[in-house]
Amino acid sequence: MAQADRSAMRAAPNLTAFQRDLLFVIASIGPAKGLAVKEELSDYYAAEINHGRLYPNLDTLVDSGYVEKGQMDKRTNSYELTPAGERVLESRRQWETERFGGDV
């Protein structure tokens, strides 16, 4: 297994479930503004996601190198998955597939 794959496998368990969900949402709709990510997660959780939960977790993912934060305009940031973030998600999917026999 390549070094990058091993480091992604070690990183994935250190993320919270909410942070992993953020990565999956950004992978599916990104680059996206924070409010679009918030709406997608609110739909999935069937509950309102407050800014105090969303943005600190996005910042953690940015600081970890899994998400790149850009600027759409003076007030709006965009979020996009980085290659490291993609590896973390791929590692997670592989782990799930190994445990659930591909029925994921």
N, C-alpha and C. Protein backbone atom coordinates (compact mmCIF):
# COMPACT_ATOMS: atom_id res chain seq x y z
N MET A 1 0.85 -1.18 0.00
CA MET A 1 0.00 0.00 0.00
C MET A 1 0.89 1.24 0.00
N ALA A 2 0.56 2.20 -0.80
CA ALA A 2 1.35 3.42 -0.93
C ALA A 2 1.31 4.22 0.37
N GLN A 3 2.36 5.02 0.58
CA GLN A 3 2.45 5.84 1.79
C GLN A 3 1.26 6.78 1.92
N ALA A 4 0.85 7.41 0.83
CA ALA A 4 -0.29 8.35 0.88
C ALA A 4 -1.56 7.61 1.30
N ASP A 5 -1.74 6.38 0.83
CA ASP A 5 -2.92 5.60 1.20
C ASP A 5 -2.91 5.29 2.69
N ARG A 6 -1.75 4.92 3.21
CA ARG A 6 -1.66 4.61 4.65
C ARG A 6 -1.94 5.84 5.49
N SER A 7 -1.41 6.99 5.09
CA SER A 7 -1.65 8.20 5.88
C SER A 7 -3.12 8.60 5.80
N ALA A 8 -3.78 8.39 4.67
CA ALA A 8 -5.21 8.69 4.56
C ALA A 8 -6.00 7.76 5.45
N MET A 9 -5.60 6.49 5.53
CA MET A 9 -6.31 5.53 6.38
C MET A 9 -6.15 5.90 7.86
N ARG A 10 -4.99 6.43 8.22
CA ARG A 10 -4.78 6.85 9.62
C ARG A 10 -5.55 8.12 9.93
N ALA A 11 -5.71 8.99 8.93
CA ALA A 11 -6.38 10.27 9.15
C ALA A 11 -7.89 10.10 9.28
N ALA A 12 -8.47 9.21 8.50
CA ALA A 12 -9.93 9.06 8.46
C ALA A 12 -10.55 8.81 9.84
N PRO A 13 -9.99 7.93 10.67
CA PRO A 13 -10.61 7.71 11.98
C PRO A 13 -10.53 8.91 12.92
N ASN A 14 -9.65 9.85 12.64
CA ASN A 14 -9.51 11.02 13.50
C ASN A 14 -10.55 12.09 13.21
N LEU A 15 -11.28 11.93 12.11
CA LEU A 15 -12.34 12.88 11.78
C LEU A 15 -13.62 12.50 12.52
N THR A 16 -14.40 13.48 12.87
CA THR A 16 -15.72 13.18 13.42
C THR A 16 -16.64 12.75 12.28
N ALA A 17 -17.74 12.13 12.62
CA ALA A 17 -18.72 11.74 11.61
C ALA A 17 -19.23 12.98 10.87
N PHE A 18 -19.41 14.07 11.58
CA PHE A 18 -19.87 15.31 10.96
C PHE A 18 -18.83 15.81 9.95
N GLN A 19 -17.55 15.75 10.30
CA GLN A 19 -16.51 16.19 9.39
C GLN A 19 -16.45 15.28 8.15
N ARG A 20 -16.61 13.98 8.34
CA ARG A 20 -16.66 13.08 7.18
C ARG A 20 -17.85 13.41 6.30
N ASP A 21 -18.99 13.68 6.92
CA ASP A 21 -20.17 14.07 6.13
C ASP A 21 -19.91 15.35 5.36
N LEU A 22 -19.22 16.29 5.96
CA LEU A 22 -18.85 17.52 5.25
C LEU A 22 -18.01 17.20 4.03
N LEU A 23 -17.04 16.30 4.18
CA LEU A 23 -16.20 15.93 3.05
C LEU A 23 -17.02 15.30 1.94
N PHE A 24 -17.94 14.39 2.30
CA PHE A 24 -18.77 13.76 1.28
C PHE A 24 -19.65 14.78 0.55
N VAL A 25 -20.21 15.72 1.30
CA VAL A 25 -21.06 16.75 0.67
C VAL A 25 -20.23 17.63 -0.26
N ILE A 26 -19.09 18.07 0.21
CA ILE A 26 -18.24 18.92 -0.63
C ILE A 26 -17.79 18.17 -1.88
N ALA A 27 -17.50 16.88 -1.73
CA ALA A 27 -17.11 16.07 -2.88
C ALA A 27 -18.23 16.01 -3.90
N SER A 28 -19.47 15.97 -3.42
CA SER A 28 -20.59 15.80 -4.35
C SER A 28 -21.08 17.12 -4.96
N ILE A 29 -20.94 18.24 -4.24
CA ILE A 29 -21.47 19.50 -4.77
C ILE A 29 -20.42 20.58 -4.96
N GLY A 30 -19.20 20.33 -4.52
CA GLY A 30 -18.18 21.36 -4.54
C GLY A 30 -17.60 21.63 -5.91
N PRO A 31 -16.92 22.75 -6.10
CA PRO A 31 -16.78 23.78 -5.08
C PRO A 31 -18.13 24.44 -4.78
N ALA A 32 -18.33 24.65 -3.50
CA ALA A 32 -19.63 25.18 -3.07
C ALA A 32 -19.44 26.19 -1.95
N LYS A 33 -20.39 27.10 -1.86
CA LYS A 33 -20.35 28.04 -0.75
C LYS A 33 -20.84 27.34 0.52
N GLY A 34 -20.47 27.87 1.66
CA GLY A 34 -20.81 27.27 2.94
C GLY A 34 -22.30 27.06 3.12
N LEU A 35 -23.11 28.00 2.66
CA LEU A 35 -24.56 27.85 2.83
C LEU A 35 -25.12 26.67 2.04
N ALA A 36 -24.54 26.38 0.87
CA ALA A 36 -24.98 25.22 0.09
C ALA A 36 -24.63 23.92 0.82
N VAL A 37 -23.45 23.89 1.43
CA VAL A 37 -23.04 22.73 2.22
C VAL A 37 -23.98 22.57 3.41
N LYS A 38 -24.27 23.68 4.06
CA LYS A 38 -25.17 23.69 5.22
C LYS A 38 -26.55 23.15 4.85
N GLU A 39 -27.10 23.61 3.74
CA GLU A 39 -28.43 23.16 3.30
C GLU A 39 -28.45 21.67 2.99
N GLU A 40 -27.41 21.19 2.34
CA GLU A 40 -27.32 19.76 2.00
C GLU A 40 -27.28 18.91 3.27
N LEU A 41 -26.49 19.33 4.24
CA LEU A 41 -26.41 18.57 5.50
C LEU A 41 -27.69 18.70 6.31
N SER A 42 -28.30 19.87 6.29
CA SER A 42 -29.57 20.04 7.00
C SER A 42 -30.64 19.10 6.45
N ASP A 43 -30.65 18.94 5.13
CA ASP A 43 -31.58 17.99 4.51
C ASP A 43 -31.28 16.56 4.96
N TYR A 44 -30.01 16.18 4.96
CA TYR A 44 -29.62 14.83 5.34
C TYR A 44 -29.94 14.55 6.81
N TYR A 45 -29.60 15.49 7.69
CA TYR A 45 -29.83 15.31 9.12
C TYR A 45 -31.26 15.60 9.52
N ALA A 46 -32.04 16.17 8.62
CA ALA A 46 -33.42 16.58 8.93
C ALA A 46 -33.44 17.48 10.16
N ALA A 47 -32.43 18.34 10.22
CA ALA A 47 -32.32 19.30 11.33
C ALA A 47 -31.47 20.46 10.85
N GLU A 48 -31.70 21.60 11.44
CA GLU A 48 -30.93 22.79 11.08
C GLU A 48 -29.49 22.65 11.60
N ILE A 49 -28.55 22.95 10.75
CA ILE A 49 -27.13 22.97 11.13
C ILE A 49 -26.79 24.43 11.39
N ASN A 50 -26.34 24.73 12.61
CA ASN A 50 -26.06 26.13 12.91
C ASN A 50 -24.64 26.51 12.47
N HIS A 51 -24.45 27.80 12.28
CA HIS A 51 -23.16 28.31 11.82
C HIS A 51 -22.04 27.97 12.80
N GLY A 52 -22.35 27.95 14.09
CA GLY A 52 -21.35 27.66 15.12
C GLY A 52 -20.83 26.23 15.05
N ARG A 53 -21.56 25.37 14.40
CA ARG A 53 -21.09 23.99 14.19
C ARG A 53 -20.43 23.85 12.81
N LEU A 54 -21.02 24.46 11.81
CA LEU A 54 -20.56 24.29 10.44
C LEU A 54 -19.18 24.89 10.21
N TYR A 55 -19.03 26.16 10.46
CA TYR A 55 -17.81 26.85 10.03
C TYR A 55 -16.55 26.45 10.82
N PRO A 56 -16.63 26.21 12.12
CA PRO A 56 -15.43 25.70 12.79
C PRO A 56 -14.99 24.33 12.25
N ASN A 57 -15.95 23.48 11.89
CA ASN A 57 -15.59 22.18 11.33
C ASN A 57 -15.02 22.33 9.92
N LEU A 58 -15.56 23.24 9.12
CA LEU A 58 -14.97 23.51 7.81
C LEU A 58 -13.55 24.04 7.97
N ASP A 59 -13.34 24.93 8.94
CA ASP A 59 -11.99 25.46 9.18
C ASP A 59 -11.02 24.36 9.58
N THR A 60 -11.48 23.41 10.38
CA THR A 60 -10.64 22.28 10.79
C THR A 60 -10.24 21.47 9.56
N LEU A 61 -11.18 21.24 8.65
CA LEU A 61 -10.88 20.49 7.44
C LEU A 61 -9.92 21.26 6.53
N VAL A 62 -10.06 22.57 6.49
CA VAL A 62 -9.13 23.41 5.73
C VAL A 62 -7.74 23.32 6.35
N ASP A 63 -7.67 23.49 7.68
CA ASP A 63 -6.38 23.44 8.38
C ASP A 63 -5.71 22.07 8.24
N SER A 64 -6.51 21.02 8.12
CA SER A 64 -5.98 19.66 7.96
C SER A 64 -5.54 19.37 6.53
N GLY A 65 -5.90 20.25 5.60
CA GLY A 65 -5.50 20.07 4.21
C GLY A 65 -6.46 19.22 3.39
N TYR A 66 -7.65 18.94 3.92
CA TYR A 66 -8.63 18.11 3.21
C TYR A 66 -9.57 18.94 2.35
N VAL A 67 -9.68 20.21 2.66
CA VAL A 67 -10.57 21.12 1.93
C VAL A 67 -9.80 22.40 1.64
N GLU A 68 -10.01 22.93 0.45
CA GLU A 68 -9.43 24.21 0.09
C GLU A 68 -10.52 25.27 0.17
N LYS A 69 -10.19 26.36 0.83
CA LYS A 69 -11.13 27.47 0.99
C LYS A 69 -10.75 28.56 0.00
N GLY A 70 -11.70 28.92 -0.84
CA GLY A 70 -11.49 30.00 -1.80
C GLY A 70 -12.46 31.12 -1.53
N GLN A 71 -12.46 32.09 -2.40
CA GLN A 71 -13.34 33.23 -2.23
C GLN A 71 -14.16 33.44 -3.49
N MET A 72 -15.48 33.44 -3.34
CA MET A 72 -16.37 33.68 -4.48
C MET A 72 -16.57 35.18 -4.69
N ASP A 73 -16.73 35.91 -3.59
CA ASP A 73 -16.81 37.36 -3.61
C ASP A 73 -16.36 37.85 -2.24
N LYS A 74 -16.54 39.12 -1.95
CA LYS A 74 -16.02 39.68 -0.69
C LYS A 74 -16.62 39.04 0.56
N ARG A 75 -17.83 38.51 0.44
CA ARG A 75 -18.51 37.95 1.61
C ARG A 75 -18.69 36.44 1.58
N THR A 76 -18.40 35.81 0.46
CA THR A 76 -18.73 34.40 0.29
C THR A 76 -17.50 33.57 -0.01
N ASN A 77 -17.27 32.56 0.83
CA ASN A 77 -16.18 31.62 0.61
C ASN A 77 -16.70 30.41 -0.15
N SER A 78 -15.79 29.74 -0.82
CA SER A 78 -16.13 28.47 -1.47
C SER A 78 -15.24 27.38 -0.86
N TYR A 79 -15.74 26.16 -0.91
CA TYR A 79 -15.04 25.03 -0.32
C TYR A 79 -14.95 23.92 -1.37
N GLU A 80 -13.74 23.37 -1.53
CA GLU A 80 -13.50 22.34 -2.52
C GLU A 80 -12.59 21.27 -1.91
N LEU A 81 -12.87 20.03 -2.23
CA LEU A 81 -12.07 18.93 -1.74
C LEU A 81 -10.68 18.96 -2.36
N THR A 82 -9.66 18.70 -1.56
CA THR A 82 -8.29 18.60 -2.05
C THR A 82 -7.99 17.13 -2.38
N PRO A 83 -6.89 16.86 -3.04
CA PRO A 83 -6.50 15.47 -3.27
C PRO A 83 -6.37 14.68 -1.96
N ALA A 84 -5.88 15.31 -0.90
CA ALA A 84 -5.78 14.63 0.39
C ALA A 84 -7.17 14.29 0.92
N GLY A 85 -8.13 15.19 0.75
CA GLY A 85 -9.51 14.92 1.15
C GLY A 85 -10.11 13.78 0.36
N GLU A 86 -9.80 13.74 -0.94
CA GLU A 86 -10.28 12.63 -1.78
C GLU A 86 -9.72 11.30 -1.29
N ARG A 87 -8.43 11.29 -0.92
CA ARG A 87 -7.81 10.05 -0.43
C ARG A 87 -8.46 9.59 0.87
N VAL A 88 -8.79 10.53 1.74
CA VAL A 88 -9.45 10.17 3.00
C VAL A 88 -10.81 9.53 2.71
N LEU A 89 -11.57 10.10 1.78
CA LEU A 89 -12.87 9.52 1.44
C LEU A 89 -12.72 8.16 0.77
N GLU A 90 -11.75 8.04 -0.12
CA GLU A 90 -11.51 6.75 -0.77
C GLU A 90 -11.13 5.69 0.25
N SER A 91 -10.30 6.08 1.21
CA SER A 91 -9.90 5.16 2.27
C SER A 91 -11.10 4.73 3.09
N ARG A 92 -11.96 5.66 3.40
CA ARG A 92 -13.17 5.35 4.18
C ARG A 92 -14.08 4.39 3.41
N ARG A 93 -14.27 4.67 2.13
CA ARG A 93 -15.13 3.81 1.30
C ARG A 93 -14.54 2.40 1.21
N GLN A 94 -13.24 2.31 1.08
CA GLN A 94 -12.58 1.00 1.03
C GLN A 94 -12.81 0.26 2.35
N TRP A 95 -12.65 0.95 3.46
CA TRP A 95 -12.86 0.36 4.77
C TRP A 95 -14.30 -0.14 4.91
N GLU A 96 -15.26 0.67 4.47
CA GLU A 96 -16.67 0.27 4.53
C GLU A 96 -16.94 -0.95 3.65
N THR A 97 -16.38 -0.93 2.46
CA THR A 97 -16.59 -2.04 1.52
C THR A 97 -16.03 -3.34 2.09
N GLU A 98 -14.88 -3.27 2.72
CA GLU A 98 -14.29 -4.46 3.33
C GLU A 98 -15.18 -5.03 4.44
N ARG A 99 -15.88 -4.19 5.14
CA ARG A 99 -16.71 -4.63 6.24
C ARG A 99 -18.13 -5.03 5.82
N PHE A 100 -18.61 -4.43 4.74
CA PHE A 100 -19.98 -4.69 4.31
C PHE A 100 -20.05 -5.44 2.99
N GLY A 101 -18.92 -5.94 2.50
CA GLY A 101 -18.92 -6.76 1.31
C GLY A 101 -19.42 -6.09 0.06
N GLY A 102 -19.20 -4.80 -0.09
CA GLY A 102 -19.59 -4.12 -1.31
C GLY A 102 -21.05 -3.71 -1.37
N ASP A 103 -21.81 -3.95 -0.32
CA ASP A 103 -23.23 -3.60 -0.30
C ASP A 103 -23.45 -2.18 0.19
N VAL A 104 -22.45 -1.34 0.07
CA VAL A 104 -22.56 0.02 0.58
C VAL A 104 -23.27 0.89 -0.40
